[in-house]
Every structure is written in C-alpha cells, then in structure tokens.
Protein backbone atom coordinates (compact mmCIF):
# COMPACT_ATOMS: atom_id res chain seq x y z
CA UNK A 1 -12.28 -39.35 71.56
CA UNK A 2 -13.22 -41.11 68.34
CA UNK A 3 -15.41 -38.17 67.37
CA UNK A 4 -12.55 -35.72 67.88
CA UNK A 5 -10.21 -37.80 65.74
CA UNK A 6 -12.81 -37.99 62.99
CA UNK A 7 -13.25 -34.21 63.07
CA UNK A 8 -9.49 -33.80 62.83
CA UNK A 9 -9.36 -36.08 59.79
CA UNK A 10 -12.00 -33.93 58.10
CA UNK A 11 -10.39 -30.61 59.06
CA UNK A 12 -6.89 -31.33 57.80
CA UNK A 13 -7.79 -31.87 54.11
CA UNK A 14 -9.97 -28.75 54.22
CA UNK A 15 -7.09 -26.75 55.71
CA UNK A 16 -4.84 -27.97 52.94
CA UNK A 17 -7.44 -26.99 50.36
CA UNK A 18 -7.67 -23.53 51.90
CA UNK A 19 -3.89 -23.21 51.81
CA UNK A 20 -3.79 -24.35 48.19
CA UNK A 21 -6.53 -21.89 47.28
CA UNK A 22 -4.69 -18.99 48.92
CA UNK A 23 -1.42 -20.02 47.26
CA UNK A 24 -3.11 -20.04 43.84
CA UNK A 25 -4.74 -16.68 44.57
CA UNK A 26 -1.33 -15.29 45.49
CA UNK A 27 0.14 -16.74 42.30
CA UNK A 28 -2.51 -14.96 40.22
CA UNK A 29 -1.89 -11.65 41.97
CA UNK A 30 1.86 -11.96 41.44
CA UNK A 31 1.34 -12.71 37.75
CA UNK A 32 -0.99 -9.74 37.36
CA UNK A 33 1.54 -7.49 39.06
CA UNK A 34 4.40 -8.63 36.84
CA UNK A 35 2.36 -8.07 33.68
CA UNK A 36 1.16 -4.65 34.87
CA UNK A 37 4.69 -3.55 35.69
CA UNK A 38 5.84 -4.57 32.21
CA UNK A 39 2.95 -2.94 30.33
CA UNK A 40 -0.23 -1.19 31.50
CA UNK A 41 -3.63 -2.09 32.89
CA UNK A 42 -5.25 -1.76 29.46
CA UNK A 43 -2.74 -4.16 27.90
CA UNK A 44 -3.03 -6.92 30.50
CA UNK A 45 -5.49 -9.65 29.53
CA UNK A 46 -6.88 -12.34 31.79
CA UNK A 47 -5.61 -14.86 29.25
CA UNK A 48 -2.09 -13.48 29.83
CA UNK A 49 -2.46 -13.97 33.57
CA UNK A 50 -3.65 -17.53 33.00
CA UNK A 51 -0.75 -18.29 30.65
CA UNK A 52 1.81 -16.89 33.09
CA UNK A 53 0.52 -19.13 35.88
CA UNK A 54 -0.08 -22.18 33.69
CA UNK A 55 -3.78 -22.21 34.58
CA UNK A 56 -6.80 -22.41 32.34
CA UNK A 57 -8.45 -19.05 31.72
CA UNK A 58 -11.65 -20.39 33.26
CA UNK A 59 -9.81 -21.17 36.48
CA UNK A 60 -8.66 -17.55 36.75
CA UNK A 61 -12.29 -16.39 36.56
CA UNK A 62 -13.20 -18.71 39.44
CA UNK A 63 -10.93 -16.64 41.66
CA UNK A 64 -11.52 -13.23 40.10
CA UNK A 65 -14.64 -12.77 37.95
CA UNK A 66 -13.27 -9.65 36.23
CA UNK A 67 -9.92 -8.07 35.49
CA UNK A 68 -10.93 -5.15 37.71
CA UNK A 69 -11.62 -7.53 40.59
CA UNK A 70 -8.15 -9.04 40.18
CA UNK A 71 -6.40 -5.68 40.21
CA UNK A 72 -8.51 -4.27 43.03
CA UNK A 73 -7.40 -7.27 45.11
CA UNK A 74 -3.79 -6.47 44.17
CA UNK A 75 -4.29 -2.83 45.11
CA UNK A 76 -5.83 -3.96 48.41
CA UNK A 77 -2.67 -5.91 49.24
CA UNK A 78 -0.34 -3.09 48.20
CA UNK A 79 -2.33 -0.42 50.05
CA UNK A 80 -2.39 -2.49 53.23
CA UNK A 81 1.38 -3.01 53.01
CA UNK A 82 2.02 0.69 52.41
CA UNK A 83 -0.14 1.80 55.33
CA UNK A 84 1.75 -0.65 57.55
CA UNK A 85 5.09 0.74 56.37
CA UNK A 86 4.01 4.36 56.85
CA UNK A 87 2.48 3.66 60.25
CA UNK A 88 5.70 1.98 61.35
CA UNK A 89 7.62 5.15 60.54
CA UNK A 90 5.02 7.41 62.14
CA UNK A 91 5.15 5.35 65.35
CA UNK A 92 8.77 6.34 65.99
CA UNK A 93 7.55 9.02 68.41
CA UNK A 94 8.16 12.65 69.19
CA UNK A 95 6.72 15.88 67.84
CA UNK A 96 7.59 16.47 64.21
CA UNK A 97 7.70 19.45 61.87
CA UNK A 98 5.37 19.56 58.89
CA UNK A 99 8.32 19.22 56.52
CA UNK A 100 9.58 16.16 58.41
CA UNK A 101 6.19 14.53 58.04
CA UNK A 102 6.00 15.46 54.36
CA UNK A 103 9.41 13.89 53.74
CA UNK A 104 8.37 10.74 55.61
CA UNK A 105 5.21 10.28 53.57
CA UNK A 106 6.91 11.00 50.24
CA UNK A 107 9.88 8.75 50.99
CA UNK A 108 7.56 5.92 52.04
CA UNK A 109 6.30 5.89 48.44
CA UNK A 110 9.73 5.59 46.85
CA UNK A 111 9.90 2.27 45.00
CA UNK A 112 6.11 1.95 45.22
CA UNK A 113 5.35 2.86 41.61
CA UNK A 114 3.12 -0.18 41.11
CA UNK A 115 1.03 0.82 44.10
CA UNK A 116 0.72 4.48 43.12
CA UNK A 117 -0.10 3.62 39.50
CA UNK A 118 -2.92 1.34 40.64
CA UNK A 119 -4.09 3.90 43.19
CA UNK A 120 -4.53 6.37 40.34
CA UNK A 121 -6.91 3.87 38.69
CA UNK A 122 -8.93 3.05 41.80
CA UNK A 123 -12.09 5.14 41.39
CA UNK A 124 -12.11 5.57 37.63
CA UNK A 125 -11.31 1.99 36.60
CA UNK A 126 -10.88 -0.66 39.29
CA UNK A 127 -14.10 0.04 41.21
CA UNK A 128 -16.23 0.15 38.08
CA UNK A 129 -16.62 -3.58 37.46
CA UNK A 130 -16.50 -5.36 40.82
CA UNK A 131 -19.06 -6.66 43.29
CA UNK A 132 -20.55 -4.72 46.17
CA UNK A 133 -19.10 -7.32 48.55
CA UNK A 134 -15.54 -6.91 47.27
CA UNK A 135 -15.83 -3.14 47.25
CA UNK A 136 -17.17 -3.00 50.80
CA UNK A 137 -14.46 -5.33 52.12
CA UNK A 138 -11.83 -3.16 50.44
CA UNK A 139 -13.31 0.08 51.76
CA UNK A 140 -13.61 -1.32 55.27
CA UNK A 141 -9.89 -2.15 55.31
CA UNK A 142 -9.03 1.31 53.96
CA UNK A 143 -11.19 2.95 56.61
CA UNK A 144 -9.55 0.97 59.39
CA UNK A 145 -6.04 1.77 58.15
CA UNK A 146 -6.91 5.46 57.80
CA UNK A 147 -8.11 5.56 61.40
CA UNK A 148 -4.80 4.19 62.66
CA UNK A 149 -2.80 6.57 60.49
CA UNK A 150 -4.90 9.59 61.49
CA UNK A 151 -4.25 8.88 65.18
CA UNK A 152 -0.49 8.65 64.55
CA UNK A 153 -0.54 11.89 62.53
CA UNK A 154 -2.14 13.67 65.48
CA UNK A 155 0.63 12.39 67.75
CA UNK A 156 3.36 13.67 65.43
CA UNK A 157 1.65 17.00 64.67
CA UNK A 158 -0.40 18.15 67.68
CA UNK A 159 -2.11 20.94 65.72
CA UNK A 160 -4.02 18.30 63.76
CA UNK A 161 -7.47 17.28 64.95
CA UNK A 162 -9.21 14.02 64.12
CA UNK A 163 -11.04 15.86 61.35
CA UNK A 164 -8.00 17.61 59.83
CA UNK A 165 -5.88 14.45 60.09
CA UNK A 166 -8.52 12.66 58.02
CA UNK A 167 -8.57 15.55 55.56
CA UNK A 168 -4.79 15.36 55.28
CA UNK A 169 -4.96 11.69 54.30
CA UNK A 170 -7.63 12.45 51.68
CA UNK A 171 -5.62 15.33 50.25
CA UNK A 172 -2.44 13.25 50.17
CA UNK A 173 -4.37 10.61 48.22
CA UNK A 174 -5.38 13.27 45.68
CA UNK A 175 -1.81 14.57 45.42
CA UNK A 176 -0.34 11.09 44.96
CA UNK A 177 -2.89 10.25 42.26
CA UNK A 178 -2.35 13.47 40.33
CA UNK A 179 1.43 13.57 40.59
CA UNK A 180 1.77 9.88 39.67
CA UNK A 181 -0.22 10.48 36.49
CA UNK A 182 1.94 13.49 35.68
CA UNK A 183 5.18 11.62 36.37
CA UNK A 184 4.18 8.36 34.62
CA UNK A 185 4.44 9.62 31.07
CA UNK A 186 4.56 7.90 27.70
CA UNK A 187 7.97 7.19 26.12
CA UNK A 188 7.44 9.76 23.36
CA UNK A 189 6.59 12.45 25.93
CA UNK A 190 9.61 11.44 28.01
CA UNK A 191 11.83 12.04 24.99
CA UNK A 192 10.29 15.45 24.37
CA UNK A 193 10.77 16.47 28.01
CA UNK A 194 14.52 15.88 27.77
CA UNK A 195 14.75 19.11 25.78
CA UNK A 196 16.29 21.82 28.01
CA UNK A 197 13.44 24.33 27.67
CA UNK A 198 10.93 21.63 28.72
CA UNK A 199 12.39 21.46 32.25
CA UNK A 200 9.36 23.19 33.87
CA UNK A 201 7.15 20.33 32.66
CA UNK A 202 9.27 17.55 34.16
CA UNK A 203 7.85 16.11 37.38
CA UNK A 204 10.00 14.69 40.17
CA UNK A 205 7.36 12.69 42.02
CA UNK A 206 9.05 12.57 45.44
CA UNK A 207 10.22 16.20 45.41
CA UNK A 208 6.88 17.59 44.25
CA UNK A 209 4.91 15.45 46.69
CA UNK A 210 7.12 16.59 49.57
CA UNK A 211 6.64 20.25 48.59
CA UNK A 212 2.88 19.87 48.16
CA UNK A 213 2.35 18.13 51.52
CA UNK A 214 4.54 20.71 53.28
CA UNK A 215 2.43 23.52 51.83
CA UNK A 216 -0.77 21.69 52.74
CA UNK A 217 0.35 21.29 56.34
CA UNK A 218 1.27 24.95 56.63
CA UNK A 219 -2.27 25.79 55.61
CA UNK A 220 -3.76 23.38 58.15
CA UNK A 221 -1.54 24.73 60.92
CA UNK A 222 -2.51 28.33 60.13
CA UNK A 223 -6.25 27.64 60.55
C-alpha cells in the first residue's frame, strides 16, 4: 500500500511534466504555422518562432533541432488530420463514380492551403535536414494512413485493386504538389495573370485537381 502511494506521488509530477512538454510543443507548432501562413518557409526564422512564444531560442532547439524538423512535425500533424477527414468522407458507403471520388478528394483540400503548401516542400526541403528517427516515424504514420485510405478507395470504386489504389494515392500526391505550386503564385505574377489574355495560365486548384483525378481514374478503370 505504501509502495503504491509512493509510486503515485512520483508518477503525477512526471505526468504533469509530460503534459507541459506537449503543450509547449503544440505552442511552437502553432507559432510556426502562423508565421508560415503570413510569409513563407524561407522567411520564417527559429528566432521568430521563439519570439512569438516568448521562449528563448535555445529552448526551441531543445524541442526541434532544426527548422525543417519543426515544419516536418507540423506537416505530420496536418497530414494526419487530412487523412482522417478524407477517410471519414470515404467511409460514408456505397459504390461511387470516379467523378464523385475526385470531387470528394478535391473538396477535402479546400481551406487546407497550409497543408498543401507544406506537402509541396516535403521531399525537396523538409526531409533534407532531419533525423532518421523523425523521418521514419513520419513515414510509418503516412504508410499506415495510406493503407486505411487505399482500403476505403477500393470499397468506393470496386475496379481498384490494392496496387492501383496505392498508385492513385501516389498520383494524387503528385497532382496536389504540382497544382499547389502553380496556384500559389507571387503577388507580381498574380497581378499579371489578371490580364484577360492570361486566363489560360490561371489555375483554379480545386477545379483542376478534380479534373485531373477524374481523368486519372478513367485511365485506371480502362486497364
């Protein structure tokens, strides 16, 4: 009895420390997100993140040793949330058309500009200066989420196999990355594209993604 009470006295402060650590980690991720949404990855400095949270710069590095590690953790959170949202919509049941699925995927990304902008930086920037341990943990979560989504895709579109459902997810990733980069243009380019004859160069992210996924699915169904 006395031993159990002693263990409890030790565990409670540790639990509080773990909660405090997670709260501070969350605070850093929120600060990084706000700064990224206001500027760009290149413009965000770790000192800015520290200043926004009221922490010393050295404290930030205790949680995230590099800026890339910080933003990969943010992407991890956003990607997990998006997969959960998409999977919730895919779980509604029934057999769907390819266009219905394309609309569902594209619409699930509306309002997710922060996520898609970071996704476009994943391989070329965020994974270039992080640890093997962080990268593996991230990839393991992505792999697990993809497996769940692939199974749901097969339920909605019976012509998909496990292999082609996985290919679809990979191809959608490529489309999202490319179209986000094309749609997320600099202010000077945005001004130029308002000219009437520049209309063919303007990119409506949701509309173009819907069209591209629909075309992709037609090709997979015709195999």
